[in-house]
Amino acid sequence: MKASSMLKEKIVMFPDNGNKRAKSFRGNKSISDQLLHSLLEKNRNCGLEKIIPFPIEKIDVAEWVRLKCQFGCSQYGTNWCCPPASPDLVKVRAVLQEYSQALLLIGSRQCKDFYLNNAKRRAEKVRSWKEVVGIERQLFLEGYDKAISLVSGSCALCKKCTYPEACRFPMERRPPVEAFSIDLIGTLKNLGISTPVAQHTDDLFNYYSIILLE
């Protein structure tokens, strides 16, 4: 399946409420339950199950996370959204200091072809990617102008990434959670969330994305 056909449908554009500009929510330390419910309901058909707001200090970052990208992942040095193209730990810590709140997005699915780089798995990854970036877009329109997504899994927008040549989809690309040096398991523990490791490819497993909010 060609990248162009995979991305034929643009990222969902949400209504602009009659072209009325939304007020910025900077300084507001909470997000309304009504907005969270709306975001969740619009994306349940994509597999999204929960959206949990949490304080930014609950995020754990560490150098070893990037090390596991470098040694043990085929995407290292081949993908615009992964190390070394993604921000290093010094930059990550500087960015996180500019935020006070984030959202954790949780979904689940079975993936018997988890270890296969085939069209079906790639289509699922692209669909999940669009879901998260679509939510980021709606948050922006609601006034959260600093919202930025950290997605689940490496970028699959192209069958083969152009790295180190120019990216084909610079507006859509976002770094994976782990490529942002985030210790996901440690962060989940900080939030009181346990995440069992799937032992078999036919097990149901959870996937997680984070949106840095404001």
Protein backbone atom coordinates (compact mmCIF):
# COMPACT_ATOMS: atom_id res chain seq x y z
CA MET A 1 0.00 0.00 0.00
CA LYS A 2 1.49 3.35 -1.03
CA ALA A 3 2.05 6.14 1.48
CA SER A 4 -0.10 8.48 -0.61
CA SER A 5 -3.10 6.14 -0.39
CA MET A 6 -2.51 5.55 3.32
CA LEU A 7 -2.78 9.29 3.88
CA LYS A 8 -5.49 10.05 1.35
CA GLU A 9 -7.82 11.04 4.16
CA LYS A 10 -6.46 14.08 5.92
CA ILE A 11 -6.23 14.32 9.69
CA VAL A 12 -9.71 15.04 11.00
CA MET A 13 -10.50 18.74 10.98
CA PHE A 14 -12.92 19.74 13.71
CA PRO A 15 -15.55 22.49 13.46
CA ASP A 16 -14.30 26.00 14.21
CA ASN A 17 -17.47 27.02 16.08
CA GLY A 18 -18.53 29.59 13.52
CA ASN A 19 -15.02 30.96 13.07
CA LYS A 20 -15.04 32.28 16.63
CA ARG A 21 -11.52 32.15 17.97
CA ALA A 22 -11.26 30.06 21.14
CA LYS A 23 -9.73 31.72 24.18
CA SER A 24 -6.36 30.46 25.35
CA PHE A 25 -6.52 28.34 28.50
CA ARG A 26 -2.98 29.17 29.60
CA GLY A 27 -2.88 29.39 33.37
CA ASN A 28 -5.97 27.20 33.79
CA LYS A 29 -4.64 24.11 35.55
CA SER A 30 -7.54 21.82 34.69
CA ILE A 31 -9.38 20.55 31.65
CA SER A 32 -13.14 20.17 31.84
CA ASP A 33 -14.78 16.76 32.20
CA GLN A 34 -17.11 17.76 29.38
CA LEU A 35 -14.23 18.25 26.94
CA LEU A 36 -12.54 15.01 28.03
CA HIS A 37 -15.80 13.12 27.51
CA SER A 38 -16.26 14.68 24.07
CA LEU A 39 -12.73 13.74 22.99
CA LEU A 40 -13.17 10.18 24.22
CA GLU A 41 -16.55 9.61 22.57
CA LYS A 42 -15.35 10.93 19.21
CA ASN A 43 -12.47 8.46 19.19
CA ARG A 44 -13.85 5.29 20.74
CA ASN A 45 -14.30 3.73 17.31
CA CYS A 46 -10.51 3.96 16.87
CA GLY A 47 -9.88 1.92 20.02
CA LEU A 48 -9.40 4.74 22.53
CA GLU A 49 -10.66 3.71 25.98
CA LYS A 50 -9.46 6.32 28.47
CA ILE A 51 -8.12 9.86 28.62
CA ILE A 52 -6.50 10.73 31.95
CA PRO A 53 -5.26 14.23 32.83
CA PHE A 54 -2.21 14.33 35.10
CA PRO A 55 0.48 16.76 36.35
CA ILE A 56 3.62 16.93 34.27
CA GLU A 57 5.88 16.06 37.22
CA LYS A 58 4.52 12.50 37.06
CA ILE A 59 6.47 11.96 33.83
CA ASP A 60 9.73 10.05 34.32
CA VAL A 61 12.51 10.61 31.80
CA ALA A 62 15.87 8.83 31.65
CA GLU A 63 18.90 8.43 29.42
CA TRP A 64 18.56 4.62 29.39
CA VAL A 65 15.30 4.91 27.43
CA ARG A 66 17.15 6.44 24.50
CA LEU A 67 19.86 3.79 24.92
CA LYS A 68 17.24 1.07 24.34
CA CYS A 69 16.26 2.86 21.14
CA GLN A 70 19.87 2.88 20.00
CA PHE A 71 20.52 -0.77 20.83
CA GLY A 72 17.58 -3.02 20.12
CA CYS A 73 15.32 -1.08 17.76
CA SER A 74 15.56 -1.14 13.97
CA GLN A 75 14.11 2.39 13.73
CA TYR A 76 17.20 4.02 15.25
CA GLY A 77 18.89 6.23 12.68
CA THR A 78 16.29 5.38 10.02
CA ASN A 79 13.21 7.37 11.07
CA TRP A 80 12.56 11.10 11.40
CA CYS A 81 10.52 10.56 14.58
CA CYS A 82 13.08 8.41 16.41
CA PRO A 83 16.59 8.97 17.80
CA PRO A 84 18.91 10.50 16.86
CA ALA A 85 16.44 12.75 15.00
CA SER A 86 14.23 13.19 18.09
CA PRO A 87 15.17 15.58 20.95
CA ASP A 88 17.86 14.41 23.36
CA LEU A 89 17.33 14.21 27.13
CA VAL A 90 18.60 17.74 27.79
CA LYS A 91 16.10 19.17 25.29
CA VAL A 92 13.31 16.93 26.62
CA ARG A 93 13.80 18.15 30.18
CA ALA A 94 13.80 21.77 28.98
CA VAL A 95 10.54 21.21 27.09
CA LEU A 96 8.81 19.51 30.03
CA GLN A 97 9.66 22.48 32.25
CA GLU A 98 7.42 24.59 30.00
CA TYR A 99 4.36 22.45 30.76
CA SER A 100 2.30 21.78 33.88
CA GLN A 101 -0.31 19.31 32.64
CA ALA A 102 -0.57 16.39 30.23
CA LEU A 103 -3.08 13.81 29.04
CA LEU A 104 -2.55 10.06 28.97
CA LEU A 105 -4.44 8.27 26.18
CA ILE A 106 -5.02 4.55 26.65
CA GLY A 107 -6.26 2.03 24.11
CA SER A 108 -6.04 -1.73 23.69
CA ARG A 109 -6.02 -4.24 20.88
CA GLN A 110 -4.93 -7.68 19.85
CA CYS A 111 -2.19 -7.84 17.28
CA LYS A 112 -1.32 -11.33 16.12
CA ASP A 113 0.94 -9.85 13.47
CA PHE A 114 2.79 -7.64 15.98
CA TYR A 115 6.21 -8.72 14.77
CA LEU A 116 5.34 -8.51 11.10
CA ASN A 117 5.96 -5.36 9.10
CA ASN A 118 2.92 -5.82 6.89
CA ALA A 119 0.24 -3.55 5.45
CA LYS A 120 -2.39 -4.45 8.06
CA ARG A 121 -0.20 -3.56 11.00
CA ARG A 122 0.99 -0.39 9.30
CA ALA A 123 -2.60 0.67 8.59
CA GLU A 124 -3.47 0.19 12.28
CA LYS A 125 -0.48 2.30 13.34
CA VAL A 126 -1.40 5.09 10.92
CA ARG A 127 -5.01 5.06 12.14
CA SER A 128 -3.87 5.31 15.77
CA TRP A 129 -1.42 8.07 14.82
CA LYS A 130 -4.14 10.11 13.13
CA GLU A 131 -6.41 9.63 16.15
CA VAL A 132 -3.91 11.17 18.56
CA VAL A 133 -2.90 14.04 16.25
CA GLY A 134 -6.61 14.69 15.60
CA ILE A 135 -7.18 15.05 19.34
CA GLU A 136 -4.22 17.40 19.54
CA ARG A 137 -5.81 19.45 16.76
CA GLN A 138 -9.15 19.68 18.58
CA LEU A 139 -7.40 20.73 21.79
CA PHE A 140 -5.66 23.49 19.84
CA LEU A 141 -9.01 24.73 18.54
CA GLU A 142 -10.36 24.65 22.09
CA GLY A 143 -7.64 27.06 23.18
CA TYR A 144 -4.83 24.71 24.26
CA ASP A 145 -2.32 26.19 21.84
CA LYS A 146 0.69 24.41 23.41
CA ALA A 147 -0.76 20.91 22.91
CA ILE A 148 1.69 18.49 21.26
CA SER A 149 1.38 14.72 20.83
CA LEU A 150 3.77 11.95 21.79
CA VAL A 151 2.42 8.90 20.03
CA SER A 152 2.52 5.15 20.52
CA GLY A 153 5.07 3.39 18.34
CA SER A 154 7.40 4.53 15.60
CA CYS A 155 6.12 6.55 12.64
CA ALA A 156 4.48 4.47 9.91
CA LEU A 157 3.18 7.25 7.67
CA CYS A 158 5.56 6.09 4.95
CA LYS A 159 6.36 2.48 4.13
CA LYS A 160 10.02 3.53 4.08
CA CYS A 161 11.09 6.72 5.82
CA THR A 162 13.04 9.25 3.77
CA TYR A 163 15.50 9.88 6.63
CA PRO A 164 17.94 11.60 6.38
CA GLU A 165 16.36 13.25 3.33
CA ALA A 166 13.46 15.68 3.81
CA CYS A 167 10.34 14.25 5.51
CA ARG A 168 7.30 13.79 3.25
CA PHE A 169 4.82 14.64 6.03
CA PRO A 170 6.44 17.23 8.34
CA MET A 171 3.05 18.55 9.50
CA GLU A 172 1.85 15.13 10.65
CA ARG A 173 4.96 13.59 12.19
CA ARG A 174 5.20 13.33 15.99
CA PRO A 175 7.78 11.58 18.20
CA PRO A 176 6.86 8.34 19.98
CA VAL A 177 6.65 8.47 23.77
CA GLU A 178 9.88 6.49 24.18
CA ALA A 179 11.73 8.53 21.55
CA PHE A 180 11.09 11.49 23.87
CA SER A 181 13.17 9.67 26.55
CA ILE A 182 10.04 8.95 28.61
CA ASP A 183 10.15 5.92 30.91
CA LEU A 184 6.59 4.85 30.18
CA ILE A 185 6.42 2.07 32.78
CA GLY A 186 7.79 4.40 35.46
CA THR A 187 5.32 7.11 34.45
CA LEU A 188 2.41 4.68 34.63
CA LYS A 189 3.55 3.56 38.09
CA ASN A 190 3.61 7.19 39.19
CA LEU A 191 -0.03 7.38 38.10
CA GLY A 192 -0.97 4.19 39.93
CA ILE A 193 -1.52 2.27 36.69
CA SER A 194 -0.24 -1.29 36.31
CA THR A 195 0.46 -2.57 32.82
CA PRO A 196 1.09 -6.30 32.47
CA VAL A 197 3.39 -7.31 29.67
CA ALA A 198 1.65 -9.27 26.90
CA GLN A 199 3.20 -12.74 26.86
CA HIS A 200 1.75 -13.90 23.55
CA THR A 201 0.88 -12.17 20.29
CA ASP A 202 -2.80 -13.09 20.68
CA ASP A 203 -2.98 -11.44 24.13
CA LEU A 204 -4.82 -8.15 24.52
CA PHE A 205 -2.26 -5.41 25.10
CA ASN A 206 -2.53 -1.75 25.99
CA TYR A 207 -0.93 1.09 24.07
CA TYR A 208 -0.29 4.57 25.41
CA SER A 209 0.12 8.05 24.00
CA ILE A 210 0.73 11.33 25.82
CA ILE A 211 -0.34 14.83 24.89
CA LEU A 212 1.61 17.64 26.55
CA LEU A 213 -1.24 20.03 27.21
CA GLU A 214 -0.33 23.34 28.85
